[in-house]
Protein backbone atom coordinates (compact mmCIF):
# COMPACT_ATOMS: atom_id res chain seq x y z
CA MET A 1 144.85 40.48 19.51
CA SER A 2 142.75 39.42 22.53
CA VAL A 3 141.48 35.83 22.56
CA LEU A 4 138.70 34.63 24.81
CA THR A 5 139.89 31.63 26.83
CA TYR A 6 137.80 28.68 28.04
CA PRO A 7 138.16 29.55 31.76
CA GLU A 8 137.04 33.11 31.01
CA ALA A 9 134.13 31.83 28.93
CA ILE A 10 132.85 29.38 31.55
CA VAL A 11 133.19 31.79 34.49
CA ILE A 12 131.54 34.69 32.68
CA GLY A 13 128.87 32.37 31.24
CA ALA A 14 127.95 31.12 34.71
CA LEU A 15 128.04 34.68 36.05
CA GLN A 16 125.74 35.86 33.26
CA GLY A 17 123.26 33.06 33.89
CA VAL A 18 122.94 33.95 37.57
CA THR A 19 123.19 37.75 37.51
CA GLU A 20 120.88 38.23 34.50
CA LEU A 21 118.01 36.92 36.63
CA PHE A 22 119.13 37.86 40.14
CA PRO A 23 118.33 41.56 40.71
CA VAL A 24 122.03 42.51 40.74
CA SER A 25 122.80 43.34 37.05
CA SER A 26 124.56 40.94 34.70
CA LEU A 27 126.08 43.75 32.62
CA GLY A 28 127.49 45.42 35.71
CA HIS A 29 129.13 42.19 36.88
CA SER A 30 130.39 41.38 33.38
CA VAL A 31 132.15 44.75 33.34
CA LEU A 32 133.43 44.75 36.92
CA LEU A 33 134.76 41.20 37.34
CA PRO A 34 137.30 41.39 34.46
CA ALA A 35 138.43 44.82 35.65
CA ILE A 36 138.96 43.55 39.20
CA VAL A 37 140.83 40.42 38.07
CA GLY A 38 142.90 42.51 35.65
CA GLY A 39 145.52 41.26 33.21
CA SER A 40 144.25 39.25 30.24
CA TRP A 41 140.74 39.21 31.70
CA ALA A 42 140.50 42.99 31.52
CA ARG A 43 141.85 42.93 27.96
CA ASP A 44 139.80 40.01 26.64
CA LEU A 45 136.51 40.89 28.36
CA ASN A 46 136.10 44.55 27.48
CA VAL A 47 132.40 45.13 26.81
CA SER A 48 132.88 48.79 25.85
CA ALA A 49 135.24 48.00 22.95
CA PRO A 50 133.38 48.33 19.60
CA GLU A 51 135.31 45.46 17.96
CA SER A 52 135.79 42.77 20.59
CA PRO A 53 135.20 38.99 20.51
CA TYR A 54 133.51 39.52 23.86
CA LEU A 55 130.52 41.04 22.03
CA ALA A 56 129.96 37.88 19.97
CA PHE A 57 130.37 35.83 23.13
CA ILE A 58 127.69 37.83 24.95
CA VAL A 59 125.27 37.10 22.10
CA GLY A 60 125.52 33.39 22.83
CA LEU A 61 125.00 33.99 26.55
CA HIS A 62 121.84 36.00 25.96
CA VAL A 63 120.33 33.33 23.74
CA ALA A 64 121.22 30.60 26.26
CA THR A 65 119.66 32.56 29.14
CA ALA A 66 116.46 33.15 27.18
CA LEU A 67 116.24 29.47 26.26
CA ALA A 68 116.56 28.53 29.94
CA LEU A 69 113.63 30.83 30.77
CA LEU A 70 111.59 29.40 27.91
CA LEU A 71 112.22 25.88 29.21
CA LEU A 72 111.30 26.72 32.79
CA PHE A 73 108.17 28.69 31.84
CA ARG A 74 107.26 26.56 28.82
CA ARG A 75 103.66 26.02 29.99
CA ASP A 76 103.18 29.75 30.53
CA TRP A 77 104.55 30.53 27.07
CA ALA A 78 102.41 27.81 25.48
CA ARG A 79 99.32 29.51 26.95
CA ILE A 80 100.57 32.97 25.98
CA VAL A 81 101.27 31.98 22.37
CA LYS A 82 97.94 30.18 22.13
CA GLY A 83 96.21 33.23 23.59
CA PHE A 84 97.86 35.49 21.03
CA VAL A 85 96.85 33.24 18.13
CA THR A 86 93.24 32.84 19.29
CA SER A 87 92.88 36.59 19.90
CA ILE A 88 94.01 37.24 16.33
CA GLY A 89 91.64 34.56 15.07
CA HIS A 90 88.48 36.01 16.59
CA GLN A 91 89.80 39.61 16.70
CA SER A 92 89.03 40.15 20.35
CA ILE A 93 90.55 39.67 23.79
CA SER A 94 88.23 37.61 25.94
CA THR A 95 90.36 35.32 28.13
CA PRO A 96 93.15 35.90 30.67
CA ASP A 97 95.67 34.11 28.43
CA GLU A 98 94.79 36.34 25.48
CA ARG A 99 95.06 39.42 27.63
CA LEU A 100 98.40 38.35 29.12
CA ALA A 101 99.78 37.78 25.62
CA TRP A 102 98.98 41.35 24.60
CA LEU A 103 100.18 42.76 27.92
CA VAL A 104 103.57 41.14 27.28
CA ILE A 105 103.67 42.64 23.78
CA ILE A 106 102.74 46.12 24.99
CA ALA A 107 105.27 45.94 27.82
CA THR A 108 108.05 44.81 25.47
CA VAL A 109 107.69 47.60 22.88
CA PRO A 110 109.31 50.47 24.85
CA VAL A 111 112.41 48.55 25.94
CA GLY A 112 112.78 47.08 22.45
CA LEU A 113 112.82 50.51 20.82
CA THR A 114 115.11 51.95 23.49
CA GLY A 115 117.55 49.09 23.09
CA LEU A 116 117.71 49.46 19.32
CA LEU A 117 118.34 53.21 19.57
CA LEU A 118 120.61 53.49 22.60
CA GLU A 119 122.25 50.12 23.38
CA HIS A 120 125.46 50.82 21.44
CA THR A 121 125.82 54.34 22.84
CA PHE A 122 125.24 53.28 26.43
CA ARG A 123 127.53 50.26 26.16
CA THR A 124 130.48 52.10 24.62
CA THR A 125 130.23 55.22 26.80
CA LEU A 126 129.11 53.72 30.13
CA GLY A 127 130.23 50.10 29.86
CA LYS A 128 133.35 50.85 31.88
CA PRO A 129 134.25 49.78 35.44
CA THR A 130 133.75 53.09 37.25
CA PRO A 131 130.24 53.85 35.91
CA ALA A 132 129.29 50.19 36.45
CA ALA A 133 130.32 50.34 40.12
CA VAL A 134 128.40 53.57 40.63
CA PHE A 135 125.25 52.23 38.97
CA LEU A 136 125.52 48.95 40.91
CA THR A 137 125.50 50.98 44.13
CA LEU A 138 122.51 52.96 42.84
CA ASN A 139 120.78 49.67 42.06
CA GLY A 140 121.14 48.69 45.71
CA VAL A 141 119.70 52.01 46.84
CA MET A 142 116.73 51.55 44.49
CA LEU A 143 116.00 48.03 45.74
CA LEU A 144 116.12 49.04 49.40
CA LEU A 145 114.11 52.21 48.84
CA GLY A 146 111.55 50.31 46.78
CA GLU A 147 111.06 47.77 49.56
CA GLN A 148 110.71 50.54 52.14
CA LEU A 149 108.09 52.33 50.06
CA ARG A 150 106.24 49.06 49.47
CA ARG A 151 105.98 48.44 53.20
CA ARG A 152 104.50 51.89 53.67
CA ARG A 153 101.84 51.34 51.05
CA ALA A 154 98.33 51.11 52.37
CA GLY A 155 95.59 48.88 50.96
CA PRO A 156 95.58 45.35 49.50
CA ALA A 157 98.55 43.92 47.62
CA THR A 158 96.72 43.94 44.30
CA ASP A 159 95.01 47.31 44.45
CA LEU A 160 94.06 47.52 40.77
CA PRO A 161 91.23 49.49 39.13
CA PRO A 162 88.28 47.07 38.68
CA ALA A 163 87.13 48.66 35.43
CA ASP A 164 90.08 47.34 33.44
CA LEU A 165 90.48 43.86 34.86
CA ALA A 166 90.61 40.72 32.76
CA PRO A 167 88.14 37.91 33.43
CA VAL A 168 88.97 35.93 36.56
CA LEU A 169 90.02 32.29 36.40
CA PRO A 170 86.94 30.28 35.44
CA PRO A 171 85.75 27.90 38.17
CA ASN A 172 87.26 24.41 38.08
CA GLU A 173 89.70 25.28 35.26
CA ALA A 174 92.66 24.28 37.41
CA ASP A 175 91.00 21.30 39.07
CA ASP A 176 92.72 18.71 36.85
CA LEU A 177 96.18 20.29 37.10
CA PRO A 178 98.95 19.34 39.55
CA PRO A 179 99.15 21.80 42.49
CA ASN A 180 102.26 23.59 41.17
CA GLU A 181 100.79 24.08 37.71
CA ALA A 182 97.49 25.23 39.17
CA ASP A 183 99.32 27.80 41.30
CA ASP A 184 101.28 29.03 38.27
CA LEU A 185 98.05 29.37 36.31
CA GLU A 186 96.48 31.40 39.09
CA VAL A 187 99.49 33.75 39.20
CA ASP A 188 99.44 34.22 35.41
CA HIS A 189 95.75 35.08 35.49
CA ARG A 190 96.31 37.57 38.28
CA LEU A 191 99.02 39.17 36.15
CA ALA A 192 96.49 39.43 33.33
CA GLU A 193 94.55 41.81 35.58
CA LEU A 194 97.13 44.57 35.08
CA THR A 195 95.84 47.55 33.16
CA TRP A 196 97.37 48.31 29.77
CA SER A 197 99.01 51.49 31.05
CA ARG A 198 100.53 49.76 34.06
CA ALA A 199 101.92 46.97 31.90
CA PHE A 200 103.48 49.58 29.59
CA VAL A 201 105.12 51.41 32.51
CA THR A 202 106.40 48.17 34.02
CA GLY A 203 107.86 47.07 30.69
CA ALA A 204 109.40 50.49 30.03
CA SER A 205 111.29 50.27 33.32
CA GLN A 206 113.48 47.56 31.76
CA SER A 207 115.13 50.29 29.70
CA LEU A 208 117.08 51.33 32.79
CA ALA A 209 118.97 48.02 32.52
CA LEU A 210 120.91 49.52 29.58
CA LEU A 211 122.91 51.24 32.32
CA PRO A 212 125.64 48.81 33.48
CA GLY A 213 124.92 48.03 37.13
CA ILE A 214 121.15 48.51 36.96
CA SER A 215 119.33 45.17 37.07
CA ARG A 216 116.60 44.37 34.54
CA SER A 217 114.81 41.99 36.88
CA GLY A 218 115.29 44.36 39.80
CA VAL A 219 113.74 47.44 38.19
CA THR A 220 110.94 45.36 36.65
CA MET A 221 110.10 43.88 40.04
CA LEU A 222 110.16 47.33 41.64
CA ALA A 223 107.80 48.62 38.97
CA GLY A 224 105.52 45.62 39.50
CA LEU A 225 105.52 46.09 43.28
CA ALA A 226 104.67 49.76 42.77
CA GLN A 227 101.65 48.61 40.71
CA GLY A 228 100.45 46.56 43.70
CA LEU A 229 101.80 43.13 42.72
CA THR A 230 103.14 40.69 45.29
CA HIS A 231 106.80 39.62 45.15
CA GLU A 232 105.75 36.27 43.68
CA GLU A 233 103.75 37.97 40.93
CA ALA A 234 106.41 40.61 40.31
CA VAL A 235 109.26 38.13 39.80
CA ARG A 236 107.15 35.99 37.46
CA LEU A 237 106.19 39.07 35.44
CA SER A 238 109.84 40.17 35.28
CA PHE A 239 110.89 36.79 33.86
CA LEU A 240 108.05 36.74 31.32
CA LEU A 241 108.90 40.26 30.14
CA ALA A 242 112.65 39.60 30.11
CA THR A 243 112.46 36.47 27.94
CA PRO A 244 111.53 38.10 24.59
CA VAL A 245 113.86 41.04 25.26
CA ILE A 246 116.89 38.89 26.08
CA LEU A 247 116.15 36.49 23.22
CA ALA A 248 115.70 39.31 20.71
CA ALA A 249 118.91 41.00 21.88
CA GLY A 250 120.76 37.78 21.16
CA VAL A 251 119.05 36.77 17.92
CA LEU A 252 119.44 40.20 16.34
CA LYS A 253 123.21 39.94 16.77
CA VAL A 254 123.61 36.29 15.82
CA PRO A 255 125.38 37.36 12.58
CA ASP A 256 128.25 38.49 14.82
CA LEU A 257 128.83 34.84 15.70
CA SER A 258 129.48 33.93 12.08
CA GLY A 259 131.37 37.16 11.37
CA HIS A 260 134.91 38.14 12.19
CA LEU A 261 134.07 38.80 15.86
CA GLY A 262 133.25 35.14 16.35
CA THR A 263 136.26 33.78 14.49
CA GLY A 264 138.23 31.30 16.58
CA ILE A 265 136.00 31.38 19.67
CA HIS A 266 133.02 29.21 18.70
CA GLY A 267 134.09 26.55 21.22
CA GLN A 268 134.37 29.15 23.96
CA ILE A 269 130.96 30.54 23.05
CA LEU A 270 129.43 27.06 23.30
CA ALA A 271 131.09 26.39 26.68
CA GLY A 272 130.01 29.74 28.09
CA SER A 273 126.48 29.36 26.72
CA LEU A 274 126.06 25.95 28.33
CA ALA A 275 127.22 27.42 31.65
CA ALA A 276 124.83 30.34 31.25
CA PHE A 277 121.92 28.03 30.36
CA GLY A 278 122.38 25.79 33.38
CA CYS A 279 122.96 28.61 35.85
CA ALA A 280 120.04 30.68 34.49
CA TYR A 281 117.66 27.72 34.82
CA LEU A 282 118.72 27.06 38.41
CA ALA A 283 118.66 30.78 39.27
CA ALA A 284 115.12 31.21 37.94
CA ARG A 285 113.88 28.16 39.88
CA PHE A 286 115.53 29.46 43.05
CA LEU A 287 114.14 32.98 42.70
CA THR A 288 110.56 31.89 42.05
CA ARG A 289 110.70 30.04 45.36
CA TRP A 290 112.61 32.80 47.17
CA PHE A 291 110.13 35.53 46.31
CA SER A 292 107.15 33.46 47.38
CA THR A 293 108.08 34.35 50.98
CA ARG A 294 111.01 36.81 50.85
CA THR A 295 111.92 40.27 49.55
CA LEU A 296 114.49 42.22 47.52
CA THR A 297 116.26 43.52 50.65
CA PRO A 298 119.23 41.06 50.70
CA PHE A 299 120.00 41.84 47.07
CA GLY A 300 119.81 45.56 47.77
CA ILE A 301 122.29 45.20 50.64
CA TYR A 302 124.61 43.15 48.41
CA CYS A 303 124.63 45.80 45.66
CA LEU A 304 125.08 48.61 48.18
CA LEU A 305 128.22 46.88 49.47
CA ALA A 306 129.54 45.40 46.20
CA GLY A 307 129.47 48.69 44.28
CA PRO A 308 131.80 50.68 46.57
CA ILE A 309 134.06 47.66 47.16
CA ALA A 310 134.41 47.17 43.40
CA LEU A 311 135.15 50.89 42.99
CA VAL A 312 137.99 50.62 45.50
CA LEU A 313 139.41 47.44 43.92
CA ILE A 314 139.47 48.74 40.36
CA HIS A 315 141.35 51.88 41.47
CA ARG A 316 143.73 50.18 43.88
């Protein structure tokens, strides 16, 4: 019987924390790294096996990653939750925070339903090294092509239909906030200007991340850029949309931790989750700064190289 070791748990936990948020696919890397290392790693860390301790381990990593995002964007989520509650209270949507709350809900529905229906099928049939390497390469092509198409776009960066915009940030609302918080508030309120249909399409794009090697944050950012968002807005939207999805994916499978799949590896799950939490927090902080001035191109190049190299290594 395979047993998850502490070195495996910490390495994969750290890898999950970084690659879940970097536009390079956490699932793809979680499939490819064990296959490349081989030996006990390939046996212990087999994501496609229906009865593997690795599945219970991944639950803990998802919850830890979501908690890191909640901590980093705690002010955003406080406003979103408050906006949701107040919109229910007066049965209308009249502020940017209320609108953003409902945009997040609408954008989360399609990927939630798709995950419930297809996650097991996709994981067991495609969660193998060869498909993961192929999809990782495709992810690189998508990122590079998306950036090329963005550069060719004409018009302003936020070319959105004025008829369906949320109210703009009221004057002086951010005057008493520190500069960083004021900037974050401005970005959130610009995100609230997305139309309902565009939010739905952007959220639905996350469903592609069920394919091992396709990045959730990457495809969400590409969808956001296609809607006219800036890189800074697109990465923030991708993190806001990913948080409930990642958290729900973990929480729904928490019983696995207390079931037979989690037997004997609770310590490893804790170690890996702590690694995932710390790395996810640092990765999210890094990426919010990176995309304020830079693009997806380096990540696209990485995936375009890493996919074929991984394909060669796993068949050597």
